[in-house]
Amino acid sequence: MRKTAAICVAKLYEIEPKMAEEQEFIELLKDMVSDVNPMVVANAVIALTDIHQESPEKYAFKVNENMANKLLHALNECTE
């Protein structure tokens, strides 16, 4: 369910960016990057990338060392 929710946030941002911002869904997406389920992590990264492409000046999706380690760990857990 969380993996679907991550994609839904990107879709909501596309349709109604103000609502996604007011409800702090984008911040929740950033937290999902640390999820234990690698599919949730993958979908959160995809959603953040989509949001960044729509509003690069507002939401810069930057990968720091900590996030890179989490992504590499999630990649190691992926089966697909």
N, C-alpha and C. Protein backbone atom coordinates (compact mmCIF):
# COMPACT_ATOMS: atom_id res chain seq x y z
N MET A 1 0.81 -1.18 0.00
CA MET A 1 0.00 0.00 0.00
C MET A 1 0.87 1.26 0.00
N ARG A 2 1.98 1.26 0.74
CA ARG A 2 2.85 2.44 0.79
C ARG A 2 3.47 2.72 -0.57
N LYS A 3 3.79 1.66 -1.31
CA LYS A 3 4.41 1.89 -2.61
C LYS A 3 3.43 2.56 -3.57
N THR A 4 2.17 2.23 -3.47
CA THR A 4 1.15 2.88 -4.29
C THR A 4 0.92 4.31 -3.83
N ALA A 5 0.95 4.53 -2.53
CA ALA A 5 0.76 5.88 -1.99
C ALA A 5 1.85 6.83 -2.49
N ALA A 6 3.06 6.33 -2.62
CA ALA A 6 4.16 7.18 -3.10
C ALA A 6 3.87 7.69 -4.51
N ILE A 7 3.40 6.82 -5.36
CA ILE A 7 3.07 7.21 -6.73
C ILE A 7 1.87 8.16 -6.74
N CYS A 8 0.94 7.93 -5.83
CA CYS A 8 -0.25 8.80 -5.75
C CYS A 8 0.13 10.23 -5.38
N VAL A 9 1.14 10.40 -4.56
CA VAL A 9 1.58 11.75 -4.19
C VAL A 9 2.08 12.49 -5.43
N ALA A 10 2.83 11.81 -6.27
CA ALA A 10 3.32 12.44 -7.51
C ALA A 10 2.15 12.83 -8.41
N LYS A 11 1.16 11.95 -8.50
CA LYS A 11 -0.01 12.25 -9.32
C LYS A 11 -0.80 13.41 -8.74
N LEU A 12 -0.96 13.42 -7.41
CA LEU A 12 -1.66 14.53 -6.75
C LEU A 12 -0.92 15.84 -7.00
N TYR A 13 0.40 15.80 -6.91
CA TYR A 13 1.18 17.02 -7.15
C TYR A 13 0.97 17.51 -8.57
N GLU A 14 0.86 16.60 -9.51
CA GLU A 14 0.65 16.97 -10.90
C GLU A 14 -0.71 17.67 -11.08
N ILE A 15 -1.73 17.18 -10.36
CA ILE A 15 -3.08 17.71 -10.49
C ILE A 15 -3.30 18.93 -9.60
N GLU A 16 -2.85 18.85 -8.35
CA GLU A 16 -3.11 19.89 -7.35
C GLU A 16 -1.88 20.09 -6.46
N PRO A 17 -0.86 20.80 -6.97
CA PRO A 17 0.38 20.95 -6.21
C PRO A 17 0.20 21.59 -4.84
N LYS A 18 -0.67 22.57 -4.76
CA LYS A 18 -0.86 23.27 -3.48
C LYS A 18 -1.34 22.32 -2.39
N MET A 19 -2.25 21.42 -2.73
CA MET A 19 -2.76 20.47 -1.74
C MET A 19 -1.65 19.53 -1.27
N ALA A 20 -0.84 19.05 -2.20
CA ALA A 20 0.27 18.16 -1.84
C ALA A 20 1.25 18.86 -0.91
N GLU A 21 1.46 20.15 -1.14
CA GLU A 21 2.37 20.92 -0.29
C GLU A 21 1.75 21.18 1.09
N GLU A 22 0.48 21.60 1.10
CA GLU A 22 -0.18 21.92 2.37
C GLU A 22 -0.29 20.71 3.29
N GLN A 23 -0.54 19.56 2.73
CA GLN A 23 -0.69 18.35 3.52
C GLN A 23 0.66 17.68 3.83
N GLU A 24 1.74 18.29 3.36
CA GLU A 24 3.11 17.82 3.61
C GLU A 24 3.37 16.41 3.08
N PHE A 25 2.72 16.08 1.97
CA PHE A 25 2.92 14.76 1.36
C PHE A 25 4.32 14.61 0.78
N ILE A 26 4.91 15.70 0.34
CA ILE A 26 6.25 15.62 -0.24
C ILE A 26 7.27 15.29 0.85
N GLU A 27 7.07 15.83 2.03
CA GLU A 27 7.95 15.49 3.15
C GLU A 27 7.80 14.01 3.52
N LEU A 28 6.58 13.50 3.43
CA LEU A 28 6.36 12.07 3.68
C LEU A 28 7.09 11.22 2.65
N LEU A 29 7.10 11.69 1.41
CA LEU A 29 7.84 10.96 0.37
C LEU A 29 9.31 10.88 0.70
N LYS A 30 9.85 11.99 1.18
CA LYS A 30 11.28 12.01 1.54
C LYS A 30 11.55 11.00 2.66
N ASP A 31 10.61 10.86 3.58
CA ASP A 31 10.77 9.87 4.65
C ASP A 31 10.67 8.44 4.10
N MET A 32 9.88 8.26 3.05
CA MET A 32 9.70 6.92 2.47
C MET A 32 10.99 6.40 1.83
N VAL A 33 11.91 7.27 1.52
CA VAL A 33 13.19 6.84 0.95
C VAL A 33 13.93 5.96 1.94
N SER A 34 13.61 6.09 3.22
CA SER A 34 14.26 5.28 4.26
C SER A 34 13.44 4.06 4.64
N ASP A 35 12.40 3.76 3.92
CA ASP A 35 11.54 2.63 4.24
C ASP A 35 12.31 1.30 4.14
N VAL A 36 11.83 0.29 4.84
CA VAL A 36 12.48 -1.02 4.81
C VAL A 36 12.12 -1.81 3.56
N ASN A 37 11.01 -1.48 2.93
CA ASN A 37 10.57 -2.18 1.72
C ASN A 37 11.21 -1.51 0.50
N PRO A 38 12.01 -2.25 -0.26
CA PRO A 38 12.70 -1.64 -1.40
C PRO A 38 11.75 -1.13 -2.49
N MET A 39 10.57 -1.72 -2.62
CA MET A 39 9.61 -1.23 -3.61
C MET A 39 9.05 0.13 -3.20
N VAL A 40 8.88 0.34 -1.91
CA VAL A 40 8.44 1.65 -1.41
C VAL A 40 9.53 2.68 -1.69
N VAL A 41 10.76 2.31 -1.44
CA VAL A 41 11.90 3.21 -1.69
C VAL A 41 11.95 3.57 -3.18
N ALA A 42 11.83 2.58 -4.04
CA ALA A 42 11.89 2.82 -5.48
C ALA A 42 10.77 3.76 -5.93
N ASN A 43 9.57 3.51 -5.46
CA ASN A 43 8.45 4.36 -5.87
C ASN A 43 8.57 5.76 -5.29
N ALA A 44 9.11 5.89 -4.09
CA ALA A 44 9.32 7.21 -3.50
C ALA A 44 10.34 8.01 -4.32
N VAL A 45 11.40 7.36 -4.75
CA VAL A 45 12.41 8.02 -5.58
C VAL A 45 11.81 8.43 -6.92
N ILE A 46 11.02 7.57 -7.51
CA ILE A 46 10.36 7.90 -8.78
C ILE A 46 9.44 9.11 -8.60
N ALA A 47 8.65 9.09 -7.53
CA ALA A 47 7.72 10.19 -7.27
C ALA A 47 8.47 11.50 -7.03
N LEU A 48 9.53 11.46 -6.22
CA LEU A 48 10.31 12.67 -5.96
C LEU A 48 10.97 13.18 -7.23
N THR A 49 11.42 12.29 -8.08
CA THR A 49 12.02 12.69 -9.36
C THR A 49 10.98 13.36 -10.24
N ASP A 50 9.78 12.80 -10.31
CA ASP A 50 8.70 13.41 -11.10
C ASP A 50 8.36 14.80 -10.59
N ILE A 51 8.25 14.94 -9.28
CA ILE A 51 7.94 16.24 -8.68
C ILE A 51 9.06 17.24 -8.96
N HIS A 52 10.29 16.78 -8.85
CA HIS A 52 11.44 17.65 -9.13
C HIS A 52 11.42 18.13 -10.58
N GLN A 53 11.04 17.26 -11.51
CA GLN A 53 11.00 17.65 -12.92
C GLN A 53 9.92 18.69 -13.19
N GLU A 54 8.83 18.64 -12.42
CA GLU A 54 7.77 19.63 -12.59
C GLU A 54 8.13 20.96 -11.94
N SER A 55 8.81 20.93 -10.81
CA SER A 55 9.16 22.15 -10.06
C SER A 55 10.58 22.08 -9.54
N PRO A 56 11.57 22.13 -10.43
CA PRO A 56 12.95 22.01 -9.96
C PRO A 56 13.39 23.14 -9.04
N GLU A 57 12.78 24.31 -9.20
CA GLU A 57 13.16 25.43 -8.34
C GLU A 57 12.62 25.28 -6.92
N LYS A 58 11.54 24.54 -6.75
CA LYS A 58 10.93 24.36 -5.43
C LYS A 58 11.42 23.11 -4.73
N TYR A 59 11.51 22.03 -5.47
CA TYR A 59 11.83 20.73 -4.86
C TYR A 59 13.02 20.11 -5.56
N ALA A 60 14.16 20.41 -5.04
CA ALA A 60 15.38 19.81 -5.57
C ALA A 60 15.56 18.45 -4.91
N PHE A 61 15.61 17.43 -5.72
CA PHE A 61 15.83 16.08 -5.21
C PHE A 61 17.32 15.81 -5.27
N LYS A 62 17.95 16.02 -4.13
CA LYS A 62 19.39 15.86 -4.04
C LYS A 62 19.72 14.61 -3.24
N VAL A 63 20.67 13.87 -3.73
CA VAL A 63 21.09 12.66 -3.05
C VAL A 63 22.38 12.97 -2.30
N ASN A 64 22.29 12.90 -0.98
CA ASN A 64 23.49 13.10 -0.17
C ASN A 64 24.07 11.72 0.19
N GLU A 65 25.14 11.71 0.94
CA GLU A 65 25.81 10.45 1.26
C GLU A 65 24.90 9.50 2.04
N ASN A 66 24.16 10.05 3.00
CA ASN A 66 23.26 9.24 3.81
C ASN A 66 22.16 8.60 2.94
N MET A 67 21.57 9.42 2.07
CA MET A 67 20.52 8.89 1.20
C MET A 67 21.08 7.87 0.22
N ALA A 68 22.28 8.13 -0.29
CA ALA A 68 22.90 7.19 -1.23
C ALA A 68 23.11 5.83 -0.57
N ASN A 69 23.53 5.83 0.69
CA ASN A 69 23.71 4.57 1.41
C ASN A 69 22.39 3.83 1.56
N LYS A 70 21.33 4.57 1.88
CA LYS A 70 20.00 3.95 2.02
C LYS A 70 19.53 3.38 0.69
N LEU A 71 19.77 4.11 -0.40
CA LEU A 71 19.36 3.64 -1.72
C LEU A 71 20.14 2.40 -2.13
N LEU A 72 21.42 2.39 -1.83
CA LEU A 72 22.24 1.22 -2.16
C LEU A 72 21.80 0.00 -1.35
N HIS A 73 21.45 0.23 -0.10
CA HIS A 73 20.95 -0.86 0.73
C HIS A 73 19.64 -1.40 0.17
N ALA A 74 18.74 -0.51 -0.24
CA ALA A 74 17.47 -0.92 -0.82
C ALA A 74 17.69 -1.68 -2.12
N LEU A 75 18.64 -1.22 -2.92
CA LEU A 75 18.96 -1.88 -4.18
C LEU A 75 19.43 -3.30 -3.95
N ASN A 76 20.20 -3.49 -2.90
CA ASN A 76 20.68 -4.82 -2.55
C ASN A 76 19.53 -5.76 -2.19
N GLU A 77 18.43 -5.20 -1.66
CA GLU A 77 17.28 -6.00 -1.25
C GLU A 77 16.30 -6.27 -2.38
N CYS A 78 16.43 -5.56 -3.50
CA CYS A 78 15.46 -5.69 -4.60
C CYS A 78 15.58 -7.03 -5.31
N THR A 79 14.45 -7.51 -5.75
CA THR A 79 14.43 -8.74 -6.53
C THR A 79 13.98 -8.50 -7.97
N GLU A 80 13.37 -7.37 -8.22
CA GLU A 80 12.84 -7.09 -9.56
C GLU A 80 13.75 -6.18 -10.33
